[in-house]
């Protein structure tokens, strides 16, 4: 058996939404080969479709689109890259500030959790 990382795409649909939204999931799949992993990833996507009621947009649906990427993980090791994405931004400083703010929030949440233990 081998491990694969599948990128599964869902379209989020709701009345009143102004722009199309897509939710990208990275999921671990255990399978004998690529074909089985692809089939399992598609089944996982179909079975993961969901609907919730949201105050702002009413009924929200996550509809499975497809599996867009599937890669075999050859060995689990510290620092293994599982995802990479290049973003092109209008303003570099805005994105860098966003990254630093997200890191600060995580650091604060870890600090709060350590006090709770």
PDB file of N, CA and C in Angstrom:
ATOM      1  N   UNK A   1       0.845  -1.181   0.000  1.00  0.00           N
ATOM      2  CA  UNK A   1       0.000   0.000   0.000  1.00  0.00           C
ATOM      3  C   UNK A   1       0.889   1.243   0.000  1.00  0.00           C
ATOM      4  N   UNK A   2       0.423   2.266  -0.677  1.00  0.00           N
ATOM      5  CA  UNK A   2       1.132   3.543  -0.741  1.00  0.00           C
ATOM      6  C   UNK A   2       0.207   4.657  -0.281  1.00  0.00           C
ATOM      7  N   UNK A   3       0.807   5.783   0.076  1.00  0.00           N
ATOM      8  CA  UNK A   3       0.047   6.968   0.461  1.00  0.00           C
ATOM      9  C   UNK A   3       0.112   7.987  -0.666  1.00  0.00           C
ATOM     10  N   UNK A   4      -1.023   8.660  -0.880  1.00  0.00           N
ATOM     11  CA  UNK A   4      -1.137   9.697  -1.898  1.00  0.00           C
ATOM     12  C   UNK A   4      -1.753  10.937  -1.261  1.00  0.00           C
ATOM     13  N   UNK A   5      -1.416  12.085  -1.823  1.00  0.00           N
ATOM     14  CA  UNK A   5      -2.063  13.335  -1.431  1.00  0.00           C
ATOM     15  C   UNK A   5      -2.947  13.756  -2.595  1.00  0.00           C
ATOM     16  N   UNK A   6      -4.224  13.905  -2.315  1.00  0.00           N
ATOM     17  CA  UNK A   6      -5.200  14.292  -3.337  1.00  0.00           C
ATOM     18  C   UNK A   6      -5.661  15.716  -3.069  1.00  0.00           C
ATOM     19  N   UNK A   7      -5.719  16.515  -4.105  1.00  0.00           N
ATOM     20  CA  UNK A   7      -6.306  17.856  -4.013  1.00  0.00           C
ATOM     21  C   UNK A   7      -7.704  17.764  -4.612  1.00  0.00           C
ATOM     22  N   UNK A   8      -8.699  17.928  -3.735  1.00  0.00           N
ATOM     23  CA  UNK A   8     -10.098  17.773  -4.112  1.00  0.00           C
ATOM     24  C   UNK A   8     -10.758  19.150  -4.085  1.00  0.00           C
ATOM     25  N   UNK A   9     -11.451  19.492  -5.155  1.00  0.00           N
ATOM     26  CA  UNK A   9     -12.050  20.820  -5.304  1.00  0.00           C
ATOM     27  C   UNK A   9     -13.569  20.739  -5.146  1.00  0.00           C
ATOM     28  N   UNK A  10     -14.094  21.674  -4.337  1.00  0.00           N
ATOM     29  CA  UNK A  10     -15.536  21.838  -4.158  1.00  0.00           C
ATOM     30  C   UNK A  10     -15.909  23.258  -4.558  1.00  0.00           C
ATOM     31  N   UNK A  11     -17.070  23.422  -5.161  1.00  0.00           N
ATOM     32  CA  UNK A  11     -17.596  24.751  -5.416  1.00  0.00           C
ATOM     33  C   UNK A  11     -18.597  25.061  -4.324  1.00  0.00           C
ATOM     34  N   UNK A  12     -18.453  26.233  -3.725  1.00  0.00           N
ATOM     35  CA  UNK A  12     -19.379  26.680  -2.687  1.00  0.00           C
ATOM     36  C   UNK A  12     -20.452  27.507  -3.373  1.00  0.00           C
ATOM     37  N   UNK A  13     -21.702  27.088  -3.195  1.00  0.00           N
ATOM     38  CA  UNK A  13     -22.816  27.781  -3.833  1.00  0.00           C
ATOM     39  C   UNK A  13     -23.801  28.242  -2.771  1.00  0.00           C
ATOM     40  N   UNK A  14     -24.286  29.461  -2.939  1.00  0.00           N
ATOM     41  CA  UNK A  14     -25.284  30.012  -2.037  1.00  0.00           C
ATOM     42  C   UNK A  14     -25.945  31.203  -2.683  1.00  0.00           C
ATOM     43  N   UNK A  15     -27.213  31.398  -2.391  1.00  0.00           N
ATOM     44  CA  UNK A  15     -27.905  32.546  -2.979  1.00  0.00           C
ATOM     45  C   UNK A  15     -27.322  33.822  -2.393  1.00  0.00           C
ATOM     46  N   UNK A  16     -27.146  34.814  -3.211  1.00  0.00           N
ATOM     47  CA  UNK A  16     -26.631  36.090  -2.754  1.00  0.00           C
ATOM     48  C   UNK A  16     -25.111  36.202  -2.768  1.00  0.00           C
ATOM     49  N   UNK A  17     -24.416  35.133  -3.136  1.00  0.00           N
ATOM     50  CA  UNK A  17     -22.953  35.225  -3.201  1.00  0.00           C
ATOM     51  C   UNK A  17     -22.572  36.067  -4.410  1.00  0.00           C
ATOM     52  N   UNK A  18     -21.615  36.963  -4.237  1.00  0.00           N
ATOM     53  CA  UNK A  18     -21.240  37.868  -5.314  1.00  0.00           C
ATOM     54  C   UNK A  18     -20.203  37.276  -6.250  1.00  0.00           C
ATOM     55  N   UNK A  19     -19.284  36.460  -5.720  1.00  0.00           N
ATOM     56  CA  UNK A  19     -18.237  35.866  -6.546  1.00  0.00           C
ATOM     57  C   UNK A  19     -18.233  34.355  -6.352  1.00  0.00           C
ATOM     58  N   UNK A  20     -17.898  33.606  -7.410  1.00  0.00           N
ATOM     59  CA  UNK A  20     -17.789  32.156  -7.251  1.00  0.00           C
ATOM     60  C   UNK A  20     -16.687  31.821  -6.236  1.00  0.00           C
ATOM     61  N   UNK A  21     -16.951  30.833  -5.389  1.00  0.00           N
ATOM     62  CA  UNK A  21     -15.966  30.404  -4.404  1.00  0.00           C
ATOM     63  C   UNK A  21     -15.707  28.913  -4.556  1.00  0.00           C
ATOM     64  N   UNK A  22     -14.443  28.543  -4.351  1.00  0.00           N
ATOM     65  CA  UNK A  22     -14.033  27.156  -4.430  1.00  0.00           C
ATOM     66  C   UNK A  22     -13.228  26.821  -3.190  1.00  0.00           C
ATOM     67  N   UNK A  23     -13.466  25.634  -2.659  1.00  0.00           N
ATOM     68  CA  UNK A  23     -12.779  25.157  -1.465  1.00  0.00           C
ATOM     69  C   UNK A  23     -11.858  24.022  -1.900  1.00  0.00           C
ATOM     70  N   UNK A  24     -10.556  24.181  -1.650  1.00  0.00           N
ATOM     71  CA  UNK A  24      -9.568  23.175  -2.030  1.00  0.00           C
ATOM     72  C   UNK A  24      -9.179  22.376  -0.790  1.00  0.00           C
ATOM     73  N   UNK A  25      -9.339  21.053  -0.858  1.00  0.00           N
ATOM     74  CA  UNK A  25      -8.970  20.178   0.256  1.00  0.00           C
ATOM     75  C   UNK A  25      -7.766  19.338  -0.147  1.00  0.00           C
ATOM     76  N   UNK A  26      -6.809  19.203   0.752  1.00  0.00           N
ATOM     77  CA  UNK A  26      -5.725  18.243   0.576  1.00  0.00           C
ATOM     78  C   UNK A  26      -6.044  17.070   1.489  1.00  0.00           C
ATOM     79  N   UNK A  27      -6.155  15.878   0.916  1.00  0.00           N
ATOM     80  CA  UNK A  27      -6.532  14.695   1.681  1.00  0.00           C
ATOM     81  C   UNK A  27      -5.511  13.586   1.448  1.00  0.00           C
ATOM     82  N   UNK A  28      -5.241  12.832   2.508  1.00  0.00           N
ATOM     83  CA  UNK A  28      -4.360  11.668   2.420  1.00  0.00           C
ATOM     84  C   UNK A  28      -5.201  10.465   2.004  1.00  0.00           C
ATOM     85  N   UNK A  29      -4.693   9.699   1.036  1.00  0.00           N
ATOM     86  CA  UNK A  29      -5.380   8.521   0.512  1.00  0.00           C
ATOM     87  C   UNK A  29      -4.402   7.344   0.558  1.00  0.00           C
ATOM     88  N   UNK A  30      -4.845   6.219   1.107  1.00  0.00           N
ATOM     89  CA  UNK A  30      -4.034   5.011   1.096  1.00  0.00           C
ATOM     90  C   UNK A  30      -4.601   4.074   0.036  1.00  0.00           C
ATOM     91  N   UNK A  31      -3.721   3.620  -0.891  1.00  0.00           N
ATOM     92  CA  UNK A  31      -4.194   2.778  -1.988  1.00  0.00           C
ATOM     93  C   UNK A  31      -3.058   1.907  -2.530  1.00  0.00           C
ATOM     94  N   UNK A  32      -3.449   0.899  -3.283  1.00  0.00           N
ATOM     95  CA  UNK A  32      -2.473  -0.016  -3.906  1.00  0.00           C
ATOM     96  C   UNK A  32      -1.738   0.643  -5.067  1.00  0.00           C
ATOM     97  N   UNK A  33      -2.443   1.538  -5.807  1.00  0.00           N
ATOM     98  CA  UNK A  33      -1.835   2.163  -6.981  1.00  0.00           C
ATOM     99  C   UNK A  33      -2.532   3.490  -7.274  1.00  0.00           C
ATOM    100  N   UNK A  34      -2.034   4.189  -8.292  1.00  0.00           N
ATOM    101  CA  UNK A  34      -2.545   5.510  -8.646  1.00  0.00           C
ATOM    102  C   UNK A  34      -4.031   5.454  -9.000  1.00  0.00           C
ATOM    103  N   UNK A  35      -4.430   4.457  -9.799  1.00  0.00           N
ATOM    104  CA  UNK A  35      -5.813   4.363 -10.243  1.00  0.00           C
ATOM    105  C   UNK A  35      -6.761   4.193  -9.056  1.00  0.00           C
ATOM    106  N   UNK A  36      -6.389   3.335  -8.101  1.00  0.00           N
ATOM    107  CA  UNK A  36      -7.229   3.140  -6.924  1.00  0.00           C
ATOM    108  C   UNK A  36      -7.285   4.409  -6.086  1.00  0.00           C
ATOM    109  N   UNK A  37      -6.147   5.090  -5.956  1.00  0.00           N
ATOM    110  CA  UNK A  37      -6.108   6.339  -5.181  1.00  0.00           C
ATOM    111  C   UNK A  37      -7.006   7.389  -5.817  1.00  0.00           C
ATOM    112  N   UNK A  38      -6.984   7.481  -7.152  1.00  0.00           N
ATOM    113  CA  UNK A  38      -7.819   8.450  -7.853  1.00  0.00           C
ATOM    114  C   UNK A  38      -9.301   8.150  -7.629  1.00  0.00           C
ATOM    115  N   UNK A  39      -9.671   6.885  -7.738  1.00  0.00           N
ATOM    116  CA  UNK A  39     -11.059   6.492  -7.513  1.00  0.00           C
ATOM    117  C   UNK A  39     -11.482   6.784  -6.075  1.00  0.00           C
ATOM    118  N   UNK A  40     -10.623   6.435  -5.110  1.00  0.00           N
ATOM    119  CA  UNK A  40     -10.951   6.694  -3.707  1.00  0.00           C
ATOM    120  C   UNK A  40     -11.089   8.191  -3.434  1.00  0.00           C
ATOM    121  N   UNK A  41     -10.226   9.005  -4.061  1.00  0.00           N
ATOM    122  CA  UNK A  41     -10.303  10.459  -3.880  1.00  0.00           C
ATOM    123  C   UNK A  41     -11.609  11.009  -4.442  1.00  0.00           C
ATOM    124  N   UNK A  42     -12.030  10.508  -5.593  1.00  0.00           N
ATOM    125  CA  UNK A  42     -13.305  10.953  -6.181  1.00  0.00           C
ATOM    126  C   UNK A  42     -14.481  10.550  -5.296  1.00  0.00           C
ATOM    127  N   UNK A  43     -14.456   9.337  -4.795  1.00  0.00           N
ATOM    128  CA  UNK A  43     -15.526   8.876  -3.905  1.00  0.00           C
ATOM    129  C   UNK A  43     -15.554   9.718  -2.635  1.00  0.00           C
ATOM    130  N   UNK A  44     -14.371  10.019  -2.097  1.00  0.00           N
ATOM    131  CA  UNK A  44     -14.282  10.871  -0.908  1.00  0.00           C
ATOM    132  C   UNK A  44     -14.881  12.247  -1.195  1.00  0.00           C
ATOM    133  N   UNK A  45     -14.581  12.804  -2.357  1.00  0.00           N
ATOM    134  CA  UNK A  45     -15.140  14.097  -2.741  1.00  0.00           C
ATOM    135  C   UNK A  45     -16.645  14.066  -2.839  1.00  0.00           C
ATOM    136  N   UNK A  46     -17.177  13.047  -3.490  1.00  0.00           N
ATOM    137  CA  UNK A  46     -18.634  12.916  -3.636  1.00  0.00           C
ATOM    138  C   UNK A  46     -19.287  12.753  -2.270  1.00  0.00           C
ATOM    139  N   UNK A  47     -18.695  11.914  -1.428  1.00  0.00           N
ATOM    140  CA  UNK A  47     -19.263  11.673  -0.097  1.00  0.00           C
ATOM    141  C   UNK A  47     -19.096  12.860   0.853  1.00  0.00           C
ATOM    142  N   UNK A  48     -18.218  13.793   0.511  1.00  0.00           N
ATOM    143  CA  UNK A  48     -17.977  14.957   1.371  1.00  0.00           C
ATOM    144  C   UNK A  48     -18.822  16.163   0.994  1.00  0.00           C
ATOM    145  N   UNK A  49     -19.647  16.043  -0.052  1.00  0.00           N
ATOM    146  CA  UNK A  49     -20.547  17.151  -0.381  1.00  0.00           C
ATOM    147  C   UNK A  49     -21.410  17.440   0.836  1.00  0.00           C
ATOM    148  N   UNK A  50     -21.683  18.724   1.052  1.00  0.00           N
ATOM    149  CA  UNK A  50     -22.399  19.091   2.271  1.00  0.00           C
ATOM    150  C   UNK A  50     -23.239  20.341   2.023  1.00  0.00           C
ATOM    151  N   UNK A  51     -24.208  20.533   2.878  1.00  0.00           N
ATOM    152  CA  UNK A  51     -25.039  21.736   2.859  1.00  0.00           C
ATOM    153  C   UNK A  51     -25.207  22.227   4.284  1.00  0.00           C
ATOM    154  N   UNK A  52     -25.162  23.547   4.448  1.00  0.00           N
ATOM    155  CA  UNK A  52     -25.413  24.158   5.750  1.00  0.00           C
ATOM    156  C   UNK A  52     -26.271  25.400   5.541  1.00  0.00           C
ATOM    157  N   UNK A  53     -26.971  25.804   6.579  1.00  0.00           N
ATOM    158  CA  UNK A  53     -27.754  27.036   6.505  1.00  0.00           C
ATOM    159  C   UNK A  53     -26.950  28.133   7.176  1.00  0.00           C
ATOM    160  N   UNK A  54     -26.753  29.218   6.441  1.00  0.00           N
ATOM    161  CA  UNK A  54     -25.938  30.339   6.855  1.00  0.00           C
ATOM    162  C   UNK A  54     -26.849  31.558   6.962  1.00  0.00           C
ATOM    163  N   UNK A  55     -26.692  32.370   8.008  1.00  0.00           N
ATOM    164  CA  UNK A  55     -27.550  33.551   8.194  1.00  0.00           C
ATOM    165  C   UNK A  55     -27.432  34.531   7.042  1.00  0.00           C
ATOM    166  N   UNK A  56     -26.264  34.634   6.471  1.00  0.00           N
ATOM    167  CA  UNK A  56     -26.014  35.643   5.444  1.00  0.00           C
ATOM    168  C   UNK A  56     -26.478  35.205   4.054  1.00  0.00           C
ATOM    169  N   UNK A  57     -26.223  33.947   3.709  1.00  0.00           N
ATOM    170  CA  UNK A  57     -26.509  33.490   2.346  1.00  0.00           C
ATOM    171  C   UNK A  57     -27.570  32.393   2.284  1.00  0.00           C
ATOM    172  N   UNK A  58     -28.207  32.076   3.384  1.00  0.00           N
ATOM    173  CA  UNK A  58     -29.213  31.004   3.365  1.00  0.00           C
ATOM    174  C   UNK A  58     -28.545  29.648   3.202  1.00  0.00           C
ATOM    175  N   UNK A  59     -29.078  28.826   2.321  1.00  0.00           N
ATOM    176  CA  UNK A  59     -28.536  27.494   2.095  1.00  0.00           C
ATOM    177  C   UNK A  59     -27.207  27.591   1.343  1.00  0.00           C
ATOM    178  N   UNK A  60     -26.163  27.019   1.926  1.00  0.00           N
ATOM    179  CA  UNK A  60     -24.835  26.972   1.305  1.00  0.00           C
ATOM    180  C   UNK A  60     -24.526  25.525   0.984  1.00  0.00           C
ATOM    181  N   UNK A  61     -24.025  25.278  -0.215  1.00  0.00           N
ATOM    182  CA  UNK A  61     -23.703  23.915  -0.644  1.00  0.00           C
ATOM    183  C   UNK A  61     -22.240  23.819  -1.055  1.00  0.00           C
ATOM    184  N   UNK A  62     -21.611  22.729  -0.641  1.00  0.00           N
ATOM    185  CA  UNK A  62     -20.274  22.388  -1.104  1.00  0.00           C
ATOM    186  C   UNK A  62     -20.470  21.260  -2.105  1.00  0.00           C
ATOM    187  N   UNK A  63     -20.308  21.580  -3.392  1.00  0.00           N
ATOM    188  CA  UNK A  63     -20.511  20.593  -4.443  1.00  0.00           C
ATOM    189  C   UNK A  63     -19.160  20.133  -4.989  1.00  0.00           C
ATOM    190  N   UNK A  64     -18.968  18.821  -5.017  1.00  0.00           N
ATOM    191  CA  UNK A  64     -17.736  18.235  -5.528  1.00  0.00           C
ATOM    192  C   UNK A  64     -17.562  18.609  -6.995  1.00  0.00           C
ATOM    193  N   UNK A  65     -16.373  19.110  -7.347  1.00  0.00           N
ATOM    194  CA  UNK A  65     -16.061  19.424  -8.741  1.00  0.00           C
ATOM    195  C   UNK A  65     -15.241  18.275  -9.327  1.00  0.00           C
ATOM    196  N   UNK A  66     -14.063  18.031  -8.735  1.00  0.00           N
ATOM    197  CA  UNK A  66     -13.232  16.928  -9.208  1.00  0.00           C
ATOM    198  C   UNK A  66     -11.943  16.870  -8.409  1.00  0.00           C
ATOM    199  N   UNK A  67     -11.143  15.862  -8.705  1.00  0.00           N
ATOM    200  CA  UNK A  67      -9.803  15.728  -8.133  1.00  0.00           C
ATOM    201  C   UNK A  67      -8.860  16.398  -9.120  1.00  0.00           C
ATOM    202  N   UNK A  68      -8.143  17.411  -8.670  1.00  0.00           N
ATOM    203  CA  UNK A  68      -7.312  18.192  -9.582  1.00  0.00           C
ATOM    204  C   UNK A  68      -5.840  17.775  -9.542  1.00  0.00           C
ATOM    205  N   UNK A  69      -5.422  17.111  -8.466  1.00  0.00           N
ATOM    206  CA  UNK A  69      -4.016  16.697  -8.354  1.00  0.00           C
ATOM    207  C   UNK A  69      -3.945  15.479  -7.454  1.00  0.00           C
ATOM    208  N   UNK A  70      -3.046  14.574  -7.783  1.00  0.00           N
ATOM    209  CA  UNK A  70      -2.846  13.362  -6.989  1.00  0.00           C
ATOM    210  C   UNK A  70      -1.371  12.999  -7.073  1.00  0.00           C
ATOM    211  N   UNK A  71      -0.717  12.967  -5.914  1.00  0.00           N
ATOM    212  CA  UNK A  71       0.713  12.683  -5.881  1.00  0.00           C
ATOM    213  C   UNK A  71       1.022  11.619  -4.853  1.00  0.00           C
ATOM    214  N   UNK A  72       1.885  10.701  -5.256  1.00  0.00           N
ATOM    215  CA  UNK A  72       2.308   9.659  -4.322  1.00  0.00           C
ATOM    216  C   UNK A  72       3.318  10.239  -3.336  1.00  0.00           C
ATOM    217  N   UNK A  73       3.156   9.888  -2.075  1.00  0.00           N
ATOM    218  CA  UNK A  73       4.110  10.273  -1.043  1.00  0.00           C
ATOM    219  C   UNK A  73       5.089   9.111  -0.925  1.00  0.00           C
ATOM    220  N   UNK A  74       6.331   9.347  -1.314  1.00  0.00           N
ATOM    221  CA  UNK A  74       7.299   8.260  -1.334  1.00  0.00           C
ATOM    222  C   UNK A  74       7.776   7.883   0.058  1.00  0.00           C
ATOM    223  N   UNK A  75       7.948   8.870   0.920  1.00  0.00           N
ATOM    224  CA  UNK A  75       8.390   8.587   2.294  1.00  0.00           C
ATOM    225  C   UNK A  75       7.936   9.732   3.189  1.00  0.00           C
ATOM    226  N   UNK A  76       7.413   9.388   4.345  1.00  0.00           N
ATOM    227  CA  UNK A  76       7.052  10.414   5.314  1.00  0.00           C
ATOM    228  C   UNK A  76       8.309  10.808   6.066  1.00  0.00           C
ATOM    229  N   UNK A  77       8.649  12.097   5.993  1.00  0.00           N
ATOM    230  CA  UNK A  77       9.827  12.573   6.702  1.00  0.00           C
ATOM    231  C   UNK A  77       9.619  14.020   7.109  1.00  0.00           C
ATOM    232  N   UNK A  78      10.328  14.436   8.118  1.00  0.00           N
ATOM    233  CA  UNK A  78      10.232  15.789   8.633  1.00  0.00           C
ATOM    234  C   UNK A  78      10.566  16.788   7.529  1.00  0.00           C
ATOM    235  N   UNK A  79       9.698  17.753   7.349  1.00  0.00           N
ATOM    236  CA  UNK A  79       9.922  18.806   6.356  1.00  0.00           C
ATOM    237  C   UNK A  79       9.458  18.453   4.954  1.00  0.00           C
ATOM    238  N   UNK A  80       8.779  17.335   4.783  1.00  0.00           N
ATOM    239  CA  UNK A  80       8.291  16.922   3.471  1.00  0.00           C
ATOM    240  C   UNK A  80       7.325  17.963   2.918  1.00  0.00           C
ATOM    241  N   UNK A  81       7.549  18.431   1.705  1.00  0.00           N
ATOM    242  CA  UNK A  81       6.640  19.401   1.086  1.00  0.00           C
ATOM    243  C   UNK A  81       5.409  18.670   0.583  1.00  0.00           C
ATOM    244  N   UNK A  82       4.249  19.121   1.018  1.00  0.00           N
ATOM    245  CA  UNK A  82       3.010  18.497   0.556  1.00  0.00           C
ATOM    246  C   UNK A  82       2.180  19.443  -0.306  1.00  0.00           C
ATOM    247  N   UNK A  83       2.501  20.725  -0.284  1.00  0.00           N
ATOM    248  CA  UNK A  83       1.737  21.669  -1.093  1.00  0.00           C
ATOM    249  C   UNK A  83       2.577  22.915  -1.342  1.00  0.00           C
ATOM    250  N   UNK A  84       2.484  23.437  -2.534  1.00  0.00           N
ATOM    251  CA  UNK A  84       3.156  24.679  -2.884  1.00  0.00           C
ATOM    252  C   UNK A  84       2.255  25.446  -3.836  1.00  0.00           C
ATOM    253  N   UNK A  85       2.164  26.751  -3.635  1.00  0.00           N
ATOM    254  CA  UNK A  85       1.313  27.570  -4.497  1.00  0.00           C
ATOM    255  C   UNK A  85       1.968  28.929  -4.651  1.00  0.00           C
ATOM    256  N   UNK A  86       2.068  29.399  -5.875  1.00  0.00           N
ATOM    257  CA  UNK A  86       2.611  30.724  -6.150  1.00  0.00           C
ATOM    258  C   UNK A  86       1.436  31.695  -6.234  1.00  0.00           C
ATOM    259  N   UNK A  87       1.537  32.799  -5.516  1.00  0.00           N
ATOM    260  CA  UNK A  87       0.498  33.830  -5.553  1.00  0.00           C
ATOM    261  C   UNK A  87       1.101  35.089  -6.159  1.00  0.00           C
ATOM    262  N   UNK A  88       0.384  35.684  -7.065  1.00  0.00           N
ATOM    263  CA  UNK A  88       0.802  36.946  -7.661  1.00  0.00           C
ATOM    264  C   UNK A  88      -0.082  38.031  -7.076  1.00  0.00           C
ATOM    265  N   UNK A  89       0.526  39.020  -6.444  1.00  0.00           N
ATOM    266  CA  UNK A  89      -0.217  40.048  -5.729  1.00  0.00           C
ATOM    267  C   UNK A  89       0.060  41.416  -6.347  1.00  0.00           C
ATOM    268  N   UNK A  90      -0.904  42.312  -6.173  1.00  0.00           N
ATOM    269  CA  UNK A  90      -0.718  43.692  -6.612  1.00  0.00           C
ATOM    270  C   UNK A  90       0.280  44.418  -5.707  1.00  0.00           C
ATOM    271  N   UNK A  91       0.200  44.134  -4.407  1.00  0.00           N
ATOM    272  CA  UNK A  91       1.017  44.840  -3.410  1.00  0.00           C
ATOM    273  C   UNK A  91       1.687  43.820  -2.494  1.00  0.00           C
ATOM    274  N   UNK A  92       3.006  43.716  -2.571  1.00  0.00           N
ATOM    275  CA  UNK A  92       3.746  42.726  -1.784  1.00  0.00           C
ATOM    276  C   UNK A  92       3.620  42.969  -0.291  1.00  0.00           C
ATOM    277  N   UNK A  93       3.662  44.224   0.138  1.00  0.00           N
ATOM    278  CA  UNK A  93       3.647  44.511   1.575  1.00  0.00           C
ATOM    279  C   UNK A  93       2.337  44.083   2.235  1.00  0.00           C
ATOM    280  N   UNK A  94       1.204  44.186   1.529  1.00  0.00           N
ATOM    281  CA  UNK A  94      -0.073  43.745   2.092  1.00  0.00           C
ATOM    282  C   UNK A  94      -0.063  42.245   2.372  1.00  0.00           C
ATOM    283  N   UNK A  95       0.470  41.481   1.434  1.00  0.00           N
ATOM    284  CA  UNK A  95       0.515  40.035   1.617  1.00  0.00           C
ATOM    285  C   UNK A  95       1.499  39.656   2.728  1.00  0.00           C
ATOM    286  N   UNK A  96       2.633  40.298   2.771  1.00  0.00           N
ATOM    287  CA  UNK A  96       3.620  40.015   3.818  1.00  0.00           C
ATOM    288  C   UNK A  96       3.037  40.345   5.187  1.00  0.00           C
ATOM    289  N   UNK A  97       2.311  41.450   5.308  1.00  0.00           N
ATOM    290  CA  UNK A  97       1.648  41.793   6.572  1.00  0.00           C
ATOM    291  C   UNK A  97       0.615  40.741   6.948  1.00  0.00           C
ATOM    292  N   UNK A  98      -0.144  40.283   5.984  1.00  0.00           N
ATOM    293  CA  UNK A  98      -1.132  39.229   6.230  1.00  0.00           C
ATOM    294  C   UNK A  98      -0.445  37.970   6.784  1.00  0.00           C
ATOM    295  N   UNK A  99       0.657  37.565   6.166  1.00  0.00           N
ATOM    296  CA  UNK A  99       1.385  36.368   6.607  1.00  0.00           C
ATOM    297  C   UNK A  99       1.875  36.542   8.039  1.00  0.00           C
ATOM    298  N   UNK A 100       2.455  37.702   8.352  1.00  0.00           N
ATOM    299  CA  UNK A 100       2.954  37.956   9.710  1.00  0.00           C
ATOM    300  C   UNK A 100       1.800  37.987  10.728  1.00  0.00           C
ATOM    301  N   UNK A 101       0.670  38.557  10.352  1.00  0.00           N
ATOM    302  CA  UNK A 101      -0.493  38.582  11.257  1.00  0.00           C
ATOM    303  C   UNK A 101      -1.022  37.178  11.529  1.00  0.00           C
ATOM    304  N   UNK A 102      -1.085  36.347  10.498  1.00  0.00           N
ATOM    305  CA  UNK A 102      -1.543  34.967  10.687  1.00  0.00           C
ATOM    306  C   UNK A 102      -0.587  34.206  11.612  1.00  0.00           C
ATOM    307  N   UNK A 103       0.709  34.394  11.419  1.00  0.00           N
ATOM    308  CA  UNK A 103       1.706  33.722  12.265  1.00  0.00           C
ATOM    309  C   UNK A 103       1.583  34.198  13.711  1.00  0.00           C
ATOM    310  N   UNK A 104       1.356  35.494  13.897  1.00  0.00           N
ATOM    311  CA  UNK A 104       1.201  36.034  15.252  1.00  0.00           C
ATOM    312  C   UNK A 104      -0.041  35.453  15.929  1.00  0.00           C
ATOM    313  N   UNK A 105      -1.133  35.305  15.179  1.00  0.00           N
ATOM    314  CA  UNK A 105      -2.347  34.704  15.742  1.00  0.00           C
ATOM    315  C   UNK A 105      -2.099  33.259  16.180  1.00  0.00           C
ATOM    316  N   UNK A 106      -1.383  32.508  15.347  1.00  0.00           N
ATOM    317  CA  UNK A 106      -1.083  31.116  15.715  1.00  0.00           C
ATOM    318  C   UNK A 106      -0.201  31.070  16.953  1.00  0.00           C
ATOM    319  N   UNK A 107       0.780  31.963  17.005  1.00  0.00           N
ATOM    320  CA  UNK A 107       1.676  32.000  18.165  1.00  0.00           C
ATOM    321  C   UNK A 107       0.887  32.328  19.420  1.00  0.00           C
ATOM    322  N   UNK A 108      -0.046  33.278  19.330  1.00  0.00           N
ATOM    323  CA  UNK A 108      -0.882  33.623  20.473  1.00  0.00           C
ATOM    324  C   UNK A 108      -1.778  32.461  20.889  1.00  0.00           C
ATOM    325  N   UNK A 109      -2.360  31.768  19.912  1.00  0.00           N
ATOM    326  CA  UNK A 109      -3.246  30.658  20.259  1.00  0.00           C
ATOM    327  C   UNK A 109      -2.461  29.513  20.884  1.00  0.00           C
ATOM    328  N   UNK A 110      -1.242  29.276  20.445  1.00  0.00           N
ATOM    329  CA  UNK A 110      -0.389  28.245  21.061  1.00  0.00           C
ATOM    330  C   UNK A 110      -0.032  28.667  22.476  1.00  0.00           C
ATOM    331  N   UNK A 111       0.284  29.950  22.670  1.00  0.00           N
ATOM    332  CA  UNK A 111       0.613  30.451  24.001  1.00  0.00           C
ATOM    333  C   UNK A 111      -0.553  30.309  24.956  1.00  0.00           C
ATOM    334  N   UNK A 112      -1.762  30.605  24.478  1.00  0.00           N
ATOM    335  CA  UNK A 112      -2.953  30.460  25.316  1.00  0.00           C
ATOM    336  C   UNK A 112      -3.210  29.012  25.655  1.00  0.00           C
ATOM    337  N   UNK A 113      -3.013  28.113  24.708  1.00  0.00           N
ATOM    338  CA  UNK A 113      -3.241  26.695  24.961  1.00  0.00           C
ATOM    339  C   UNK A 113      -2.249  26.145  25.953  1.00  0.00           C
ATOM    340  N   UNK A 114      -1.001  26.606  25.902  1.00  0.00           N
ATOM    341  CA  UNK A 114      -0.015  26.070  26.845  1.00  0.00           C
ATOM    342  C   UNK A 114      -0.358  26.475  28.268  1.00  0.00           C
ATOM    343  N   UNK A 115      -1.005  27.627  28.454  1.00  0.00           N
ATOM    344  CA  UNK A 115      -1.423  28.022  29.796  1.00  0.00           C
ATOM    345  C   UNK A 115      -2.589  27.190  30.288  1.00  0.00           C
ATOM    346  N   UNK A 116      -3.392  26.670  29.322  1.00  0.00           N
ATOM    347  CA  UNK A 116      -4.548  25.874  29.703  1.00  0.00           C
ATOM    348  C   UNK A 116      -4.160  24.465  30.109  1.00  0.00           C
ATOM    349  N   UNK A 117      -3.009  23.995  29.675  1.00  0.00           N
ATOM    350  CA  UNK A 117      -2.597  22.619  29.977  1.00  0.00           C
ATOM    351  C   UNK A 117      -2.120  22.450  31.388  1.00  0.00           C
TER     352      UNK A 117
END
